[in-house]
């Protein structure tokens, strides 16, 4: 499964949003109705799914779906 597809699946599950709303440009807070708690749930889900750890400095940088994907790509390489 492509990275975007898996991230979209996790976001739909954690944020209870529509898959069609999850685009690379989608803003987690403004477009997908995330809040600080749900962002942490997404971070925990991503860390578990990809066996990575996101630092406290990286988490605030996750504003859009593209941000999450880019951070994941960096961690996975």
Protein backbone atom coordinates (compact mmCIF):
# COMPACT_ATOMS: atom_id res chain seq x y z
CA UNK A 1 0.00 0.00 0.00
CA UNK A 2 1.30 3.43 -0.91
CA UNK A 3 2.35 5.68 1.97
CA UNK A 4 -0.36 8.26 1.23
CA UNK A 5 -3.06 5.58 1.19
CA UNK A 6 -1.99 4.22 4.57
CA UNK A 7 -1.76 7.71 6.10
CA UNK A 8 -5.21 8.53 4.70
CA UNK A 9 -6.59 5.33 6.22
CA UNK A 10 -5.11 6.23 9.62
CA UNK A 11 -6.42 9.80 9.45
CA UNK A 12 -9.93 8.63 8.54
CA UNK A 13 -9.86 6.22 11.48
CA UNK A 14 -8.36 8.61 14.04
CA UNK A 15 -10.11 11.84 12.96
CA UNK A 16 -13.40 10.30 11.86
CA UNK A 17 -13.25 12.23 8.59
CA UNK A 18 -14.15 11.32 5.03
CA UNK A 19 -11.42 9.72 2.91
CA UNK A 20 -12.27 12.16 0.11
CA UNK A 21 -11.36 15.06 2.43
CA UNK A 22 -7.84 13.71 2.97
CA UNK A 23 -5.65 15.24 0.28
CA UNK A 24 -1.98 16.16 0.37
CA UNK A 25 -2.98 19.81 0.84
CA UNK A 26 -5.56 19.15 3.56
CA UNK A 27 -4.83 21.01 6.79
CA UNK A 28 -5.31 18.73 9.78
CA UNK A 29 -6.87 21.39 11.99
CA UNK A 30 -8.80 23.53 9.52
CA UNK A 31 -9.90 20.93 6.96
CA UNK A 32 -10.03 17.68 8.93
CA UNK A 33 -11.21 19.10 12.29
CA UNK A 34 -8.27 17.76 14.29
CA UNK A 35 -7.47 19.17 17.71
CA UNK A 36 -4.36 18.76 19.85
CA UNK A 37 -5.63 15.50 21.37
CA UNK A 38 -6.56 13.95 18.04
CA UNK A 39 -3.21 15.05 16.59
CA UNK A 40 -1.48 13.10 19.35
CA UNK A 41 -3.67 10.08 18.54
CA UNK A 42 -2.57 10.36 14.91
CA UNK A 43 1.08 10.62 15.97
CA UNK A 44 0.78 7.53 18.18
CA UNK A 45 -0.92 5.62 15.35
CA UNK A 46 1.80 6.61 12.87
CA UNK A 47 4.56 5.72 15.32
CA UNK A 48 3.00 2.31 15.92
CA UNK A 49 2.29 1.60 12.26
CA UNK A 50 5.78 2.51 11.06
CA UNK A 51 7.82 1.69 14.19
CA UNK A 52 9.24 5.20 14.41
CA UNK A 53 9.42 7.90 17.07
CA UNK A 54 8.52 11.52 16.41
CA UNK A 55 10.26 14.08 18.58
CA UNK A 56 8.49 16.86 20.45
CA UNK A 57 10.11 19.27 17.97
CA UNK A 58 8.66 17.47 14.93
CA UNK A 59 5.06 17.17 16.07
CA UNK A 60 4.17 20.90 15.81
CA UNK A 61 5.43 20.82 12.22
CA UNK A 62 2.64 18.44 11.23
CA UNK A 63 0.02 20.85 9.92
CA UNK A 64 -0.99 19.23 6.64
CA UNK A 65 -1.21 15.70 5.29
CA UNK A 66 1.86 16.48 3.17
CA UNK A 67 3.79 17.46 6.32
CA UNK A 68 3.00 14.08 7.89
CA UNK A 69 4.02 12.21 4.74
CA UNK A 70 7.27 14.15 4.38
CA UNK A 71 8.25 13.52 8.01
CA UNK A 72 7.44 9.83 7.57
CA UNK A 73 9.54 9.63 4.39
CA UNK A 74 12.48 11.18 6.24
CA UNK A 75 12.11 8.73 9.14
CA UNK A 76 11.75 5.70 6.89
CA UNK A 77 14.83 6.45 4.77
